[in-house]
Structure formats: structure tokens, C-alpha cells
Amino acid sequence: MSLIYIDEPVAYDLPKIVQGEDWNWSFTLNNPDGTPVNTSGMSFACMMREKKDDSTTVFTPAIAVASNTITLTIANALTTAQTKTRRLVYDIIQTDSLGNKLALFEGSVAFEGAVTR
């Protein structure tokens, strides 16, 4: 998936997470002219919860940045520990080198228990 900077987060439902699987999802950041965004000095955060206002986080994906490609990963040890099939909400926040925050994505992701464990 490719994202061109805009003023509000993109509503996007992530690919489903299945119990016991390694899960990852990547996107690239591009400027309006199509050139790669320089992500030097930026950080990214993502949390997944049952409801937006819940205090409990179900997953906090690890985030890797390679040039303008951002990859979210949840290891199978974490997905294995979850057993309840449910729909989660998430957002992805970018923080620039000055501490300014920008919501890039928001939406939902399905979590399903696995038959084979």
C-alpha cells in the first residue's frame, strides 16, 4: 500500500490477524509529487484495542522503517496468546523530529482464533 501525505488519516481495514501466525503489513510514504518521503528523524506508533477508548491494548506491533517503507509486525508468540475472536480498532501515528504528530491510518482489523494450534 502506498500513502501520499494528506491532512487527515486514511480509513483502512488491515488484513486479518490469525492466532499463531506471524503477521505483518507494509506501506510506503510518498510526497504529493510521488517522490519518497524522507523518514529520517521520524518515529511511528500503532496500537490495537477492542474499542477506541479502552485502556487495554491488545497488540502493539513492532515497527521497522526502511527508507520510506514502514512495516508493522506482530510475532506469532503474541498472536498465539490471544484466543478471543474479535474486531479491533487501530491507528498509526507518525511523529516528526520536532515532535509534531500526524495520524496516517485508522480503521479496524479482524482477529480470528485458529483451528490448528
Protein backbone atom coordinates (compact mmCIF):
# COMPACT_ATOMS: atom_id res chain seq x y z
CA MET A 1 0.00 0.00 0.00
CA SER A 2 1.22 3.48 -0.78
CA LEU A 3 0.20 6.62 1.08
CA ILE A 4 0.53 10.15 -0.22
CA TYR A 5 0.52 12.73 2.57
CA ILE A 6 -2.90 14.24 3.24
CA ASP A 7 -4.43 16.28 6.06
CA GLU A 8 -6.44 13.51 7.70
CA PRO A 9 -5.91 9.81 8.37
CA VAL A 10 -6.81 7.28 5.71
CA ALA A 11 -9.60 4.92 6.77
CA TYR A 12 -8.29 1.44 6.00
CA ASP A 13 -9.11 -2.03 7.35
CA LEU A 14 -5.94 -4.05 7.82
CA PRO A 15 -5.54 -7.70 6.72
CA LYS A 16 -6.84 -10.11 9.35
CA ILE A 17 -4.63 -11.46 12.12
CA VAL A 18 -4.88 -15.21 12.77
CA GLN A 19 -3.95 -16.81 16.08
CA GLY A 20 -0.50 -18.42 15.97
CA GLU A 21 0.64 -16.66 12.79
CA ASP A 22 3.34 -14.09 12.28
CA TRP A 23 1.52 -11.03 10.96
CA ASN A 24 2.95 -8.09 9.03
CA TRP A 25 1.77 -5.26 6.86
CA SER A 26 3.79 -2.62 4.99
CA PHE A 27 3.09 0.72 3.41
CA THR A 28 5.20 3.36 1.69
CA LEU A 29 5.11 7.10 2.26
CA ASN A 30 5.31 9.37 -0.77
CA ASN A 31 5.17 13.12 -1.28
CA PRO A 32 2.36 14.53 -3.47
CA ASP A 33 4.81 14.59 -6.41
CA GLY A 34 5.39 10.83 -6.00
CA THR A 35 8.91 11.06 -4.56
CA PRO A 36 9.72 9.07 -1.40
CA VAL A 37 9.24 10.84 1.93
CA ASN A 38 12.47 11.30 3.87
CA THR A 39 11.66 9.47 7.12
CA SER A 40 14.93 10.40 8.88
CA GLY A 41 14.16 11.57 12.40
CA MET A 42 10.58 10.25 12.26
CA SER A 43 9.07 7.63 14.52
CA PHE A 44 5.86 5.65 14.11
CA ALA A 45 3.48 4.08 16.62
CA CYS A 46 0.49 1.75 16.34
CA MET A 47 -1.86 0.28 18.93
CA MET A 48 -4.75 -2.13 18.51
CA ARG A 49 -7.62 -2.17 21.02
CA GLU A 50 -11.14 -3.60 21.24
CA LYS A 51 -12.59 -0.07 21.41
CA LYS A 52 -11.01 3.32 20.83
CA ASP A 53 -11.43 4.38 24.47
CA ASP A 54 -10.26 1.09 26.05
CA SER A 55 -7.30 1.39 28.41
CA THR A 56 -6.10 -2.11 27.48
CA THR A 57 -4.04 -2.59 24.33
CA VAL A 58 -4.46 -5.99 22.63
CA PHE A 59 -1.48 -5.59 20.26
CA THR A 60 1.29 -3.03 19.85
CA PRO A 61 3.01 -4.04 16.60
CA ALA A 62 6.77 -3.71 16.25
CA ILE A 63 7.54 -1.11 13.58
CA ALA A 64 10.51 -1.13 11.21
CA VAL A 65 11.38 1.76 8.91
CA ALA A 66 13.46 1.20 5.77
CA SER A 67 13.70 4.37 3.68
CA ASN A 68 10.06 5.30 3.04
CA THR A 69 8.63 1.81 3.72
CA ILE A 70 7.09 1.20 7.13
CA THR A 71 6.41 -2.39 8.23
CA LEU A 72 4.23 -3.42 11.19
CA THR A 73 4.87 -6.86 12.66
CA ILE A 74 3.23 -8.99 15.35
CA ALA A 75 5.16 -12.15 16.28
CA ASN A 76 3.36 -15.49 16.49
CA ALA A 77 4.14 -15.71 20.23
CA LEU A 78 1.85 -12.69 20.73
CA THR A 79 -0.91 -13.85 18.37
CA THR A 80 -0.85 -17.32 19.96
CA ALA A 81 -1.55 -15.82 23.39
CA GLN A 82 -4.83 -14.31 22.16
CA THR A 83 -7.77 -16.70 21.96
CA LYS A 84 -10.83 -14.48 21.55
CA THR A 85 -12.14 -13.85 18.01
CA ARG A 86 -12.91 -10.14 17.74
CA ARG A 87 -12.66 -6.98 15.70
CA LEU A 88 -10.05 -4.46 16.86
CA VAL A 89 -9.57 -0.77 16.10
CA TYR A 90 -6.17 0.74 15.38
CA ASP A 91 -4.37 3.85 14.28
CA ILE A 92 -0.87 4.62 13.05
CA ILE A 93 0.72 7.86 14.24
CA GLN A 94 3.83 9.46 12.78
CA THR A 95 5.95 11.79 14.94
CA ASP A 96 8.42 14.06 13.16
CA SER A 97 11.77 15.26 14.50
CA LEU A 98 10.10 18.32 16.11
CA GLY A 99 7.55 16.18 18.00
CA ASN A 100 4.63 17.01 15.70
CA LYS A 101 2.18 14.10 15.40
CA LEU A 102 0.18 13.11 12.34
CA ALA A 103 -2.36 10.28 12.16
CA LEU A 104 -1.68 8.34 8.94
CA PHE A 105 -4.18 5.47 9.12
CA GLU A 106 -7.14 4.43 11.25
CA GLY A 107 -9.59 1.60 10.96
CA SER A 108 -10.16 -1.94 12.10
CA VAL A 109 -8.57 -5.36 11.90
CA ALA A 110 -10.16 -8.75 12.49
CA PHE A 111 -8.51 -11.23 14.86
CA GLU A 112 -9.50 -14.88 14.47
CA GLY A 113 -8.70 -17.89 16.58
CA ALA A 114 -7.03 -20.74 14.71
CA VAL A 115 -8.31 -24.28 14.40
CA THR A 116 -4.80 -25.75 14.32
CA ARG A 117 -2.74 -24.66 17.35
